[in-house]
Protein backbone atom coordinates (compact mmCIF):
# COMPACT_ATOMS: atom_id res chain seq x y z
CA UNK A 1 18.83 -27.97 -24.75
CA UNK A 2 16.56 -27.34 -21.80
CA UNK A 3 14.02 -29.23 -19.78
CA UNK A 4 10.66 -27.55 -19.48
CA UNK A 5 8.22 -28.39 -16.75
CA UNK A 6 4.69 -26.96 -16.73
CA UNK A 7 2.51 -27.12 -13.62
CA UNK A 8 -1.11 -26.81 -14.73
CA UNK A 9 -2.30 -25.55 -11.33
CA UNK A 10 -0.38 -22.30 -11.40
CA UNK A 11 0.80 -22.26 -15.02
CA UNK A 12 4.47 -21.89 -14.12
CA UNK A 13 7.06 -23.03 -16.65
CA UNK A 14 10.46 -23.97 -15.26
CA UNK A 15 13.38 -23.97 -17.70
CA UNK A 16 16.43 -25.93 -16.66
CA UNK A 17 19.54 -26.39 -18.82
CA UNK A 18 21.00 -29.85 -19.10
CA UNK A 19 24.29 -30.51 -17.36
CA UNK A 20 25.77 -32.40 -20.30
CA UNK A 21 26.07 -31.52 -23.98
CA UNK A 22 23.97 -33.63 -26.32
CA UNK A 23 22.64 -33.80 -29.84
CA UNK A 24 19.59 -31.87 -28.66
CA UNK A 25 21.83 -28.85 -28.01
CA UNK A 26 22.96 -28.89 -31.63
CA UNK A 27 19.37 -29.14 -32.82
CA UNK A 28 18.39 -26.23 -30.60
CA UNK A 29 21.23 -24.08 -31.92
CA UNK A 30 20.08 -24.88 -35.44
CA UNK A 31 16.54 -23.77 -34.57
CA UNK A 32 17.95 -20.47 -33.30
CA UNK A 33 20.32 -20.00 -36.27
CA UNK A 34 18.68 -16.70 -37.22
CA UNK A 35 19.54 -15.37 -33.77
CA UNK A 36 23.13 -16.50 -34.29
CA UNK A 37 23.31 -14.53 -37.53
CA UNK A 38 21.69 -11.52 -35.84
CA UNK A 39 24.26 -11.47 -33.00
CA UNK A 40 27.10 -11.79 -35.53
CA UNK A 41 25.73 -8.93 -37.65
CA UNK A 42 25.16 -6.81 -34.54
CA UNK A 43 28.75 -7.35 -33.33
CA UNK A 44 30.16 -6.43 -36.73
CA UNK A 45 28.11 -3.23 -36.88
CA UNK A 46 29.04 -2.22 -33.34
CA UNK A 47 32.72 -2.94 -33.90
CA UNK A 48 33.07 -0.74 -36.95
CA UNK A 49 30.37 1.82 -36.21
CA UNK A 50 31.44 5.45 -36.71
CA UNK A 51 34.87 4.45 -38.02
CA UNK A 52 36.37 5.99 -41.14
CA UNK A 53 38.02 2.83 -42.42
CA UNK A 54 35.15 0.56 -41.36
CA UNK A 55 35.72 -3.13 -41.93
CA UNK A 56 39.11 -2.18 -43.39
CA UNK A 57 40.42 -2.32 -39.83
CA UNK A 58 40.29 -6.10 -40.19
CA UNK A 59 43.07 -5.72 -42.77
CA UNK A 60 44.87 -2.76 -41.22
CA UNK A 61 45.56 -4.43 -37.86
CA UNK A 62 47.34 -7.59 -39.09
CA UNK A 63 49.04 -5.62 -41.86
CA UNK A 64 50.57 -3.09 -39.48
CA UNK A 65 51.55 -5.88 -37.08
CA UNK A 66 53.26 -7.59 -40.02
CA UNK A 67 55.14 -4.39 -40.85
CA UNK A 68 56.38 -3.98 -37.26
CA UNK A 69 57.43 -7.64 -36.99
CA UNK A 70 59.15 -7.46 -40.39
CA UNK A 71 61.20 -4.43 -39.32
CA UNK A 72 62.28 -5.69 -35.91
CA UNK A 73 62.37 -9.47 -36.29
CA UNK A 74 62.96 -9.79 -40.02
CA UNK A 75 65.41 -6.92 -40.70
CA UNK A 76 67.06 -6.18 -37.35
CA UNK A 77 67.13 -9.56 -35.59
CA UNK A 78 67.34 -11.59 -38.82
CA UNK A 79 64.88 -14.22 -37.65
CA UNK A 80 64.89 -17.08 -40.20
CA UNK A 81 61.80 -17.56 -42.33
CA UNK A 82 62.45 -20.81 -44.24
CA UNK A 83 63.88 -18.93 -47.25
CA UNK A 84 60.61 -17.05 -47.72
CA UNK A 85 60.31 -13.24 -47.65
CA UNK A 86 59.62 -12.45 -44.02
CA UNK A 87 56.54 -10.21 -44.60
CA UNK A 88 54.51 -12.96 -46.28
CA UNK A 89 55.92 -15.58 -43.90
CA UNK A 90 54.77 -13.72 -40.80
CA UNK A 91 51.47 -12.51 -42.31
CA UNK A 92 50.39 -16.08 -43.02
CA UNK A 93 50.96 -16.94 -39.37
CA UNK A 94 49.33 -13.73 -38.14
CA UNK A 95 46.21 -14.37 -40.21
CA UNK A 96 45.40 -17.56 -38.32
CA UNK A 97 46.80 -16.34 -35.02
CA UNK A 98 44.68 -13.20 -34.92
CA UNK A 99 41.60 -15.21 -35.79
CA UNK A 100 42.31 -17.51 -32.83
CA UNK A 101 43.43 -14.87 -30.31
CA UNK A 102 40.72 -12.38 -31.28
CA UNK A 103 38.01 -15.02 -30.99
CA UNK A 104 39.41 -16.22 -27.67
CA UNK A 105 39.39 -12.69 -26.26
CA UNK A 106 35.92 -11.70 -27.48
CA UNK A 107 34.35 -15.04 -26.53
CA UNK A 108 35.66 -14.85 -22.97
CA UNK A 109 33.66 -11.67 -22.30
CA UNK A 110 30.59 -12.36 -24.39
CA UNK A 111 28.41 -13.45 -21.46
CA UNK A 112 29.32 -10.38 -19.42
CA UNK A 113 28.71 -7.97 -22.28
CA UNK A 114 25.29 -9.53 -22.95
CA UNK A 115 24.14 -9.78 -19.35
CA UNK A 116 21.00 -7.69 -19.93
CA UNK A 117 19.80 -10.21 -22.52
CA UNK A 118 20.80 -13.28 -20.53
CA UNK A 119 18.85 -12.21 -17.46
CA UNK A 120 15.63 -11.41 -19.36
CA UNK A 121 15.19 -13.72 -22.35
CA UNK A 122 15.75 -17.42 -22.88
CA UNK A 123 17.80 -18.66 -25.82
CA UNK A 124 20.62 -21.22 -26.13
CA UNK A 125 23.54 -19.58 -24.31
CA UNK A 126 25.99 -21.33 -26.63
CA UNK A 127 24.88 -18.96 -29.38
CA UNK A 128 26.70 -16.03 -27.79
CA UNK A 129 30.20 -17.57 -27.82
CA UNK A 130 29.58 -19.02 -31.27
CA UNK A 131 28.53 -15.64 -32.67
CA UNK A 132 31.72 -14.05 -31.27
CA UNK A 133 33.86 -16.63 -33.09
CA UNK A 134 31.86 -16.28 -36.33
CA UNK A 135 32.43 -12.51 -36.14
CA UNK A 136 36.18 -13.09 -36.01
CA UNK A 137 35.83 -15.52 -38.93
CA UNK A 138 34.38 -12.69 -41.02
CA UNK A 139 37.39 -10.53 -40.09
CA UNK A 140 39.65 -13.44 -41.08
CA UNK A 141 38.05 -13.58 -44.53
CA UNK A 142 38.50 -9.83 -45.00
CA UNK A 143 42.13 -9.91 -43.81
CA UNK A 144 42.78 -12.82 -46.17
CA UNK A 145 42.50 -10.38 -49.09
CA UNK A 146 45.84 -8.84 -48.05
CA UNK A 147 47.46 -12.28 -48.07
CA UNK A 148 46.35 -12.72 -51.68
CA UNK A 149 47.88 -9.33 -52.52
CA UNK A 150 51.16 -10.31 -50.83
CA UNK A 151 51.26 -13.63 -52.68
CA UNK A 152 50.91 -11.80 -55.99
CA UNK A 153 53.58 -9.30 -54.96
CA UNK A 154 56.09 -12.00 -53.96
CA UNK A 155 55.09 -14.28 -56.87
CA UNK A 156 53.73 -17.19 -54.87
CA UNK A 157 51.14 -19.47 -56.41
CA UNK A 158 49.61 -22.04 -54.06
CA UNK A 159 48.90 -25.55 -55.32
CA UNK A 160 45.26 -26.57 -55.64
CA UNK A 161 45.93 -29.50 -53.30
CA UNK A 162 47.29 -27.03 -50.76
CA UNK A 163 44.18 -24.86 -50.94
CA UNK A 164 41.96 -27.86 -50.25
CA UNK A 165 43.44 -28.19 -46.75
CA UNK A 166 42.48 -24.64 -45.74
CA UNK A 167 38.92 -25.59 -44.66
CA UNK A 168 40.41 -28.18 -42.28
CA UNK A 169 42.77 -25.57 -40.84
CA UNK A 170 39.88 -23.16 -40.34
CA UNK A 171 37.82 -25.85 -38.61
CA UNK A 172 40.68 -26.64 -36.22
CA UNK A 173 41.22 -22.94 -35.45
CA UNK A 174 37.47 -22.39 -35.06
CA UNK A 175 37.13 -25.30 -32.62
CA UNK A 176 40.21 -24.20 -30.66
CA UNK A 177 38.73 -20.72 -30.24
CA UNK A 178 35.30 -22.09 -29.28
CA UNK A 179 36.70 -24.61 -26.79
CA UNK A 180 39.02 -22.16 -25.09
CA UNK A 181 36.41 -19.40 -25.26
CA UNK A 182 33.70 -21.52 -23.62
CA UNK A 183 36.02 -22.35 -20.74
CA UNK A 184 37.08 -18.73 -20.23
CA UNK A 185 33.53 -17.40 -20.61
CA UNK A 186 32.33 -19.85 -17.96
CA UNK A 187 34.85 -18.85 -15.32
CA UNK A 188 34.69 -15.16 -16.29
CA UNK A 189 31.06 -15.03 -15.17
CA UNK A 190 32.10 -15.76 -11.59
CA UNK A 191 35.71 -14.58 -11.53
CA UNK A 192 36.24 -11.28 -13.34
CA UNK A 193 40.02 -11.64 -13.13
CA UNK A 194 39.94 -13.30 -16.54
CA UNK A 195 39.77 -9.99 -18.38
CA UNK A 196 43.00 -8.89 -16.70
CA UNK A 197 44.88 -12.18 -17.04
CA UNK A 198 43.85 -13.07 -20.59
CA UNK A 199 45.82 -10.36 -22.47
CA UNK A 200 49.06 -11.51 -20.78
CA UNK A 201 48.19 -15.14 -21.45
CA UNK A 202 47.59 -14.45 -25.15
CA UNK A 203 50.81 -12.45 -25.37
CA UNK A 204 52.82 -15.32 -23.85
CA UNK A 205 51.04 -17.83 -26.06
CA UNK A 206 52.14 -15.84 -29.10
CA UNK A 207 55.78 -16.56 -28.32
CA UNK A 208 55.22 -20.33 -28.03
CA UNK A 209 53.41 -20.34 -31.36
CA UNK A 210 55.50 -20.23 -34.56
CA UNK A 211 54.03 -16.98 -35.80
CA UNK A 212 57.15 -14.82 -35.95
CA UNK A 213 59.63 -17.68 -36.34
CA UNK A 214 59.71 -21.14 -37.96
CA UNK A 215 59.03 -24.09 -35.64
CA UNK A 216 62.36 -25.62 -36.65
CA UNK A 217 64.13 -22.93 -34.61
CA UNK A 218 62.90 -24.59 -31.40
CA UNK A 219 65.18 -27.59 -31.92
CA UNK A 220 64.78 -30.21 -29.17
CA UNK A 221 61.96 -28.16 -27.62
CA UNK A 222 59.76 -28.51 -30.71
CA UNK A 223 57.59 -31.02 -28.83
CA UNK A 224 56.46 -28.14 -26.58
CA UNK A 225 55.22 -26.26 -29.64
CA UNK A 226 53.46 -29.37 -30.95
CA UNK A 227 51.13 -29.41 -27.92
CA UNK A 228 49.89 -25.99 -28.99
CA UNK A 229 47.14 -26.71 -31.57
CA UNK A 230 47.95 -23.54 -33.51
CA UNK A 231 51.44 -24.84 -34.27
CA UNK A 232 50.16 -27.53 -36.61
CA UNK A 233 47.68 -25.13 -38.19
CA UNK A 234 50.22 -22.39 -38.96
CA UNK A 235 52.86 -24.84 -40.22
CA UNK A 236 50.32 -26.52 -42.49
CA UNK A 237 49.07 -23.13 -43.75
CA UNK A 238 52.59 -22.08 -44.71
CA UNK A 239 53.26 -25.43 -46.32
CA UNK A 240 50.02 -25.28 -48.31
CA UNK A 241 50.17 -21.63 -49.36
CA UNK A 242 53.89 -20.92 -49.55
CA UNK A 243 55.38 -24.35 -50.14
CA UNK A 244 57.84 -24.04 -47.24
CA UNK A 245 57.75 -27.79 -46.62
CA UNK A 246 55.47 -30.80 -47.06
CA UNK A 247 52.47 -30.75 -44.74
CA UNK A 248 53.25 -32.55 -41.49
CA UNK A 249 50.12 -34.66 -41.10
CA UNK A 250 51.31 -36.10 -37.81
CA UNK A 251 51.63 -32.62 -36.31
CA UNK A 252 48.26 -31.67 -37.75
CA UNK A 253 46.64 -34.72 -36.15
CA UNK A 254 48.22 -33.75 -32.81
CA UNK A 255 46.60 -30.34 -33.22
CA UNK A 256 43.26 -31.98 -33.96
CA UNK A 257 43.51 -34.16 -30.85
CA UNK A 258 44.50 -31.16 -28.71
CA UNK A 259 41.56 -29.17 -30.05
CA UNK A 260 39.19 -32.06 -29.34
CA UNK A 261 40.36 -32.19 -25.73
CA UNK A 262 40.02 -28.41 -25.46
CA UNK A 263 36.46 -28.58 -26.84
CA UNK A 264 35.48 -31.28 -24.34
CA UNK A 265 36.85 -29.24 -21.44
CA UNK A 266 35.22 -26.03 -22.67
CA UNK A 267 31.80 -27.56 -23.28
CA UNK A 268 31.93 -29.43 -19.95
CA UNK A 269 32.61 -26.28 -17.92
CA UNK A 270 30.10 -24.26 -19.90
CA UNK A 271 27.27 -26.75 -19.44
CA UNK A 272 28.17 -27.28 -15.78
CA UNK A 273 27.90 -23.57 -14.96
CA UNK A 274 25.19 -22.57 -17.46
CA UNK A 275 22.35 -22.77 -14.93
CA UNK A 276 24.00 -20.08 -12.80
CA UNK A 277 24.68 -17.54 -15.57
CA UNK A 278 21.52 -15.50 -15.12
CA UNK A 279 21.96 -15.41 -11.33
CA UNK A 280 25.55 -14.21 -11.07
CA UNK A 281 26.27 -12.49 -14.36
């Protein structure tokens, strides 16, 4: 939300963003919801423009990653997979991980890539990071089709109760991507090192997230994995869809708390630096 001051003598309108997030920001985003949908649609069209496979790349990328991981980690290194065929075990983790990591990466650069719009037109700046995450959510939905195919192939039928938890897992992943993305987008405006550091950070984060291995393999260091919000999400997704184990609600609540802290930090930094975006972007 912004403060608008109009001086009748010279008819100058001054727009100043608030330093703190409030309910007015949510109302303003809702008023600009059509713009949010437009940015999402634009990003989807640009991403798959002039490609042969089109939106099929959303399936191809996690599928090929699953194949590579299955060959090297499942067949050669014999990484345990909780007595579940490794391809479906790792694809379930990859589905949520690529949603999170892809959204984190695209959100971090969204202000830089839209600098021509930011410097010329006013709109709620929060819409740009949100549209980047929504774009990745569309890819998640498309890639989820392959998970359904794999479940049929390996004869897995999820329980209805397990499916009901999926919206909660998506909300946690969505908020984690938004919170981390807002923080990275804020500092990326001033320090362009983020685009060089972030790929290495995401790669390291992959190995402390139980995507290619079960969290039980960590042993006494499992508490380190629990701090990572995606740990609870991926474990709960496997428990709900594949029946690997009962859903660990305590771990899921830890993920929710971690995501809440991440959102607070992200929104705080974003709102604190928002007034300088147009000047230094």
